[in-house]
Amino acid sequence: MIVKSIVILIKKRSRSHPAFRGLCAVSVVIYHILIKDSFSEWSFFRNSDKFVEFFFVLSGFVLAHGYGFRKGVRFVSFMKGRIIRLYPLHLCMLIVFIILEVYL
């Protein structure tokens, strides 16, 4: 009975996860931007390096939520889909930063 109710709770889509992931991502970006006498020096943002771990835990939970109950998901097909989704952005940003490094 308890396991069944936990499974039902996990299957429901939570609206707070994307909000927490966004807050973590923005906080980490502000952590890396140090502007004198601005909000980036607030103690909340100076200690937001902890949000990196929280972001990864939430991302893992979202992935487990999305793929955990699917039938027939194989590791190779999962990894192929992830690479196809993430690699173009990675390659694009690599090219942008190589161009910036060469010309600036």
N, C-alpha and C. Protein backbone atom coordinates (compact mmCIF):
# COMPACT_ATOMS: atom_id res chain seq x y z
N MET A 1 0.82 -1.20 0.00
CA MET A 1 0.00 0.00 0.00
C MET A 1 0.87 1.26 0.00
N ILE A 2 1.88 1.30 0.85
CA ILE A 2 2.75 2.47 0.92
C ILE A 2 3.55 2.61 -0.37
N VAL A 3 4.06 1.49 -0.88
CA VAL A 3 4.84 1.54 -2.12
C VAL A 3 3.98 2.03 -3.28
N LYS A 4 2.75 1.57 -3.34
CA LYS A 4 1.85 1.99 -4.40
C LYS A 4 1.58 3.50 -4.33
N SER A 5 1.38 4.04 -3.15
CA SER A 5 1.13 5.48 -3.02
C SER A 5 2.39 6.28 -3.36
N ILE A 6 3.58 5.76 -3.04
CA ILE A 6 4.82 6.44 -3.40
C ILE A 6 4.98 6.47 -4.91
N VAL A 7 4.67 5.35 -5.57
CA VAL A 7 4.76 5.29 -7.03
C VAL A 7 3.81 6.29 -7.66
N ILE A 8 2.60 6.41 -7.13
CA ILE A 8 1.62 7.37 -7.65
C ILE A 8 2.13 8.79 -7.47
N LEU A 9 2.73 9.09 -6.32
CA LEU A 9 3.27 10.44 -6.08
C LEU A 9 4.42 10.74 -7.04
N ILE A 10 5.28 9.75 -7.29
CA ILE A 10 6.42 9.97 -8.17
C ILE A 10 5.96 10.17 -9.61
N LYS A 11 4.90 9.47 -10.02
CA LYS A 11 4.43 9.57 -11.39
C LYS A 11 3.79 10.92 -11.68
N LYS A 12 3.28 11.61 -10.67
CA LYS A 12 2.68 12.92 -10.88
C LYS A 12 3.79 13.94 -11.18
N ARG A 13 3.51 14.81 -12.10
CA ARG A 13 4.48 15.83 -12.50
C ARG A 13 4.49 16.95 -11.46
N SER A 14 5.65 17.24 -10.94
CA SER A 14 5.77 18.31 -9.95
C SER A 14 6.10 19.61 -10.67
N ARG A 15 5.44 20.66 -10.28
CA ARG A 15 5.69 21.96 -10.90
C ARG A 15 6.83 22.71 -10.23
N SER A 16 7.25 22.26 -9.07
CA SER A 16 8.29 22.99 -8.36
C SER A 16 9.70 22.62 -8.82
N HIS A 17 9.89 21.44 -9.42
CA HIS A 17 11.24 21.04 -9.83
C HIS A 17 11.86 21.99 -10.85
N PRO A 18 11.14 22.35 -11.93
CA PRO A 18 11.75 23.29 -12.87
C PRO A 18 12.06 24.65 -12.23
N ALA A 19 11.22 25.07 -11.31
CA ALA A 19 11.47 26.35 -10.63
C ALA A 19 12.73 26.27 -9.78
N PHE A 20 12.90 25.18 -9.04
CA PHE A 20 14.10 25.02 -8.23
C PHE A 20 15.35 24.89 -9.10
N ARG A 21 15.24 24.15 -10.20
CA ARG A 21 16.38 24.01 -11.11
C ARG A 21 16.75 25.37 -11.70
N GLY A 22 15.76 26.17 -12.07
CA GLY A 22 16.03 27.50 -12.59
C GLY A 22 16.68 28.40 -11.57
N LEU A 23 16.17 28.36 -10.33
CA LEU A 23 16.76 29.15 -9.25
C LEU A 23 18.21 28.75 -9.02
N CYS A 24 18.47 27.46 -9.02
CA CYS A 24 19.84 26.97 -8.84
C CYS A 24 20.75 27.45 -9.97
N ALA A 25 20.28 27.33 -11.21
CA ALA A 25 21.10 27.72 -12.35
C ALA A 25 21.41 29.22 -12.32
N VAL A 26 20.40 30.04 -12.06
CA VAL A 26 20.61 31.48 -12.02
C VAL A 26 21.53 31.85 -10.85
N SER A 27 21.37 31.21 -9.71
CA SER A 27 22.21 31.50 -8.56
C SER A 27 23.67 31.15 -8.83
N VAL A 28 23.91 30.06 -9.52
CA VAL A 28 25.29 29.67 -9.84
C VAL A 28 25.90 30.65 -10.84
N VAL A 29 25.11 31.10 -11.81
CA VAL A 29 25.61 32.10 -12.76
C VAL A 29 25.98 33.38 -12.02
N ILE A 30 25.12 33.83 -11.13
CA ILE A 30 25.40 35.06 -10.37
C ILE A 30 26.60 34.84 -9.44
N TYR A 31 26.77 33.62 -8.94
CA TYR A 31 27.95 33.29 -8.12
C TYR A 31 29.24 33.54 -8.90
N HIS A 32 29.22 33.23 -10.18
CA HIS A 32 30.42 33.38 -11.00
C HIS A 32 30.61 34.80 -11.53
N ILE A 33 29.59 35.63 -11.43
CA ILE A 33 29.69 37.03 -11.86
C ILE A 33 29.93 37.87 -10.61
N LEU A 34 31.10 38.41 -10.49
CA LEU A 34 31.41 39.24 -9.33
C LEU A 34 31.48 40.70 -9.77
N ILE A 35 30.48 41.45 -9.41
CA ILE A 35 30.41 42.87 -9.73
C ILE A 35 30.48 43.63 -8.41
N LYS A 36 31.44 44.52 -8.30
CA LYS A 36 31.63 45.28 -7.07
C LYS A 36 30.37 46.06 -6.69
N ASP A 37 30.04 46.05 -5.42
CA ASP A 37 28.92 46.81 -4.85
C ASP A 37 27.60 46.52 -5.56
N SER A 38 27.33 45.26 -5.84
CA SER A 38 26.06 44.89 -6.46
C SER A 38 25.46 43.70 -5.71
N PHE A 39 24.31 43.26 -6.19
CA PHE A 39 23.63 42.14 -5.54
C PHE A 39 24.42 40.84 -5.64
N SER A 40 25.39 40.76 -6.55
CA SER A 40 26.18 39.54 -6.66
C SER A 40 27.08 39.33 -5.45
N GLU A 41 27.23 40.34 -4.61
CA GLU A 41 28.02 40.20 -3.39
C GLU A 41 27.18 39.82 -2.17
N TRP A 42 25.88 39.68 -2.32
CA TRP A 42 25.04 39.25 -1.21
C TRP A 42 25.47 37.86 -0.77
N SER A 43 25.35 37.58 0.51
CA SER A 43 25.80 36.30 1.04
C SER A 43 25.04 35.12 0.42
N PHE A 44 23.78 35.33 0.03
CA PHE A 44 23.03 34.26 -0.61
C PHE A 44 23.73 33.80 -1.89
N PHE A 45 24.17 34.75 -2.71
CA PHE A 45 24.82 34.39 -3.97
C PHE A 45 26.28 33.98 -3.76
N ARG A 46 26.95 34.52 -2.75
CA ARG A 46 28.33 34.12 -2.49
C ARG A 46 28.40 32.68 -1.98
N ASN A 47 27.33 32.18 -1.40
CA ASN A 47 27.30 30.80 -0.91
C ASN A 47 26.49 29.87 -1.81
N SER A 48 26.20 30.30 -3.01
CA SER A 48 25.36 29.49 -3.88
C SER A 48 26.13 28.41 -4.64
N ASP A 49 27.38 28.19 -4.31
CA ASP A 49 28.11 27.07 -4.91
C ASP A 49 27.48 25.73 -4.49
N LYS A 50 26.74 25.74 -3.40
CA LYS A 50 26.04 24.52 -2.95
C LYS A 50 24.91 24.13 -3.89
N PHE A 51 24.43 25.11 -4.67
CA PHE A 51 23.32 24.84 -5.58
C PHE A 51 23.72 23.95 -6.75
N VAL A 52 25.01 23.83 -7.02
CA VAL A 52 25.45 22.95 -8.11
C VAL A 52 25.05 21.52 -7.80
N GLU A 53 25.34 21.06 -6.59
CA GLU A 53 24.97 19.70 -6.20
C GLU A 53 23.46 19.53 -6.19
N PHE A 54 22.76 20.53 -5.68
CA PHE A 54 21.30 20.46 -5.63
C PHE A 54 20.72 20.39 -7.05
N PHE A 55 21.30 21.16 -7.98
CA PHE A 55 20.86 21.14 -9.37
C PHE A 55 21.05 19.75 -9.97
N PHE A 56 22.20 19.12 -9.71
CA PHE A 56 22.44 17.78 -10.26
C PHE A 56 21.52 16.74 -9.63
N VAL A 57 21.23 16.86 -8.35
CA VAL A 57 20.30 15.92 -7.72
C VAL A 57 18.91 16.08 -8.32
N LEU A 58 18.44 17.31 -8.47
CA LEU A 58 17.13 17.54 -9.08
C LEU A 58 17.10 17.06 -10.53
N SER A 59 18.18 17.30 -11.28
CA SER A 59 18.22 16.85 -12.67
C SER A 59 18.18 15.33 -12.74
N GLY A 60 18.89 14.66 -11.84
CA GLY A 60 18.83 13.21 -11.79
C GLY A 60 17.45 12.71 -11.45
N PHE A 61 16.78 13.40 -10.54
CA PHE A 61 15.42 13.02 -10.19
C PHE A 61 14.48 13.20 -11.37
N VAL A 62 14.64 14.29 -12.11
CA VAL A 62 13.79 14.54 -13.27
C VAL A 62 14.03 13.47 -14.34
N LEU A 63 15.29 13.10 -14.57
CA LEU A 63 15.59 12.03 -15.53
C LEU A 63 15.00 10.70 -15.06
N ALA A 64 15.17 10.39 -13.79
CA ALA A 64 14.61 9.14 -13.26
C ALA A 64 13.09 9.16 -13.34
N HIS A 65 12.50 10.32 -13.11
CA HIS A 65 11.05 10.45 -13.19
C HIS A 65 10.58 10.24 -14.63
N GLY A 66 11.32 10.79 -15.57
CA GLY A 66 10.92 10.70 -16.96
C GLY A 66 11.14 9.33 -17.59
N TYR A 67 12.18 8.64 -17.15
CA TYR A 67 12.52 7.37 -17.78
C TYR A 67 12.33 6.16 -16.88
N GLY A 68 12.12 6.38 -15.60
CA GLY A 68 12.07 5.29 -14.64
C GLY A 68 10.93 4.31 -14.82
N PHE A 69 9.81 4.76 -15.33
CA PHE A 69 8.65 3.89 -15.44
C PHE A 69 8.35 3.47 -16.88
N ARG A 70 9.23 3.85 -17.80
CA ARG A 70 9.05 3.45 -19.19
C ARG A 70 9.48 1.99 -19.37
N LYS A 71 8.74 1.31 -20.16
CA LYS A 71 9.07 -0.09 -20.45
C LYS A 71 9.95 -0.13 -21.70
N GLY A 72 10.94 -0.97 -21.69
CA GLY A 72 11.76 -1.20 -22.87
C GLY A 72 12.79 -0.14 -23.17
N VAL A 73 13.15 0.70 -22.22
CA VAL A 73 14.20 1.69 -22.46
C VAL A 73 15.54 1.00 -22.30
N ARG A 74 16.33 1.05 -23.33
CA ARG A 74 17.66 0.42 -23.32
C ARG A 74 18.72 1.52 -23.14
N PHE A 75 19.83 1.13 -22.57
CA PHE A 75 20.89 2.08 -22.27
C PHE A 75 21.41 2.74 -23.55
N VAL A 76 21.64 1.95 -24.58
CA VAL A 76 22.19 2.49 -25.82
C VAL A 76 21.24 3.50 -26.46
N SER A 77 19.96 3.19 -26.53
CA SER A 77 19.02 4.13 -27.12
C SER A 77 18.86 5.39 -26.25
N PHE A 78 18.92 5.22 -24.93
CA PHE A 78 18.85 6.37 -24.03
C PHE A 78 20.05 7.29 -24.25
N MET A 79 21.25 6.71 -24.30
CA MET A 79 22.46 7.51 -24.48
C MET A 79 22.50 8.16 -25.86
N LYS A 80 22.04 7.46 -26.87
CA LYS A 80 22.00 8.03 -28.21
C LYS A 80 21.08 9.25 -28.23
N GLY A 81 19.93 9.15 -27.61
CA GLY A 81 19.01 10.28 -27.54
C GLY A 81 19.59 11.46 -26.77
N ARG A 82 20.28 11.18 -25.68
CA ARG A 82 20.90 12.26 -24.89
C ARG A 82 22.02 12.95 -25.68
N ILE A 83 22.83 12.16 -26.37
CA ILE A 83 23.94 12.74 -27.15
C ILE A 83 23.40 13.57 -28.30
N ILE A 84 22.38 13.06 -28.99
CA ILE A 84 21.79 13.81 -30.10
C ILE A 84 21.19 15.11 -29.60
N ARG A 85 20.67 15.11 -28.39
CA ARG A 85 20.06 16.31 -27.85
C ARG A 85 21.10 17.31 -27.34
N LEU A 86 22.16 16.84 -26.70
CA LEU A 86 23.11 17.73 -26.04
C LEU A 86 24.33 18.10 -26.88
N TYR A 87 24.79 17.21 -27.73
CA TYR A 87 26.04 17.43 -28.45
C TYR A 87 26.01 18.63 -29.39
N PRO A 88 24.93 18.89 -30.14
CA PRO A 88 24.95 20.07 -31.02
C PRO A 88 25.16 21.39 -30.26
N LEU A 89 24.54 21.55 -29.12
CA LEU A 89 24.75 22.76 -28.32
C LEU A 89 26.19 22.82 -27.81
N HIS A 90 26.71 21.70 -27.37
CA HIS A 90 28.09 21.64 -26.90
C HIS A 90 29.05 22.03 -28.02
N LEU A 91 28.85 21.47 -29.19
CA LEU A 91 29.71 21.76 -30.34
C LEU A 91 29.60 23.23 -30.75
N CYS A 92 28.40 23.76 -30.76
CA CYS A 92 28.19 25.17 -31.11
C CYS A 92 28.92 26.10 -30.13
N MET A 93 28.78 25.84 -28.85
CA MET A 93 29.45 26.69 -27.86
C MET A 93 30.97 26.53 -27.91
N LEU A 94 31.45 25.33 -28.22
CA LEU A 94 32.88 25.13 -28.38
C LEU A 94 33.42 25.98 -29.53
N ILE A 95 32.70 26.00 -30.64
CA ILE A 95 33.11 26.81 -31.79
C ILE A 95 33.08 28.30 -31.43
N VAL A 96 32.04 28.75 -30.73
CA VAL A 96 31.95 30.15 -30.32
C VAL A 96 33.14 30.54 -29.45
N PHE A 97 33.49 29.70 -28.48
CA PHE A 97 34.59 30.05 -27.59
C PHE A 97 35.95 29.92 -28.26
N ILE A 98 36.10 29.04 -29.22
CA ILE A 98 37.34 28.99 -29.99
C ILE A 98 37.51 30.26 -30.80
N ILE A 99 36.42 30.71 -31.43
CA ILE A 99 36.46 31.96 -32.19
C ILE A 99 36.79 33.14 -31.27
N LEU A 100 36.15 33.19 -30.12
CA LEU A 100 36.44 34.27 -29.16
C LEU A 100 37.89 34.22 -28.69
N GLU A 101 38.41 33.04 -28.46
CA GLU A 101 39.78 32.90 -27.99
C GLU A 101 40.78 33.33 -29.07
N VAL A 102 40.48 33.02 -30.30
CA VAL A 102 41.40 33.36 -31.39
C VAL A 102 41.38 34.85 -31.70
N TYR A 103 40.19 35.45 -31.72
CA TYR A 103 40.08 36.84 -32.17
C TYR A 103 40.04 37.88 -31.06
N LEU A 104 39.96 37.48 -29.83
CA LEU A 104 39.95 38.49 -28.75
C LEU A 104 41.16 38.39 -27.87
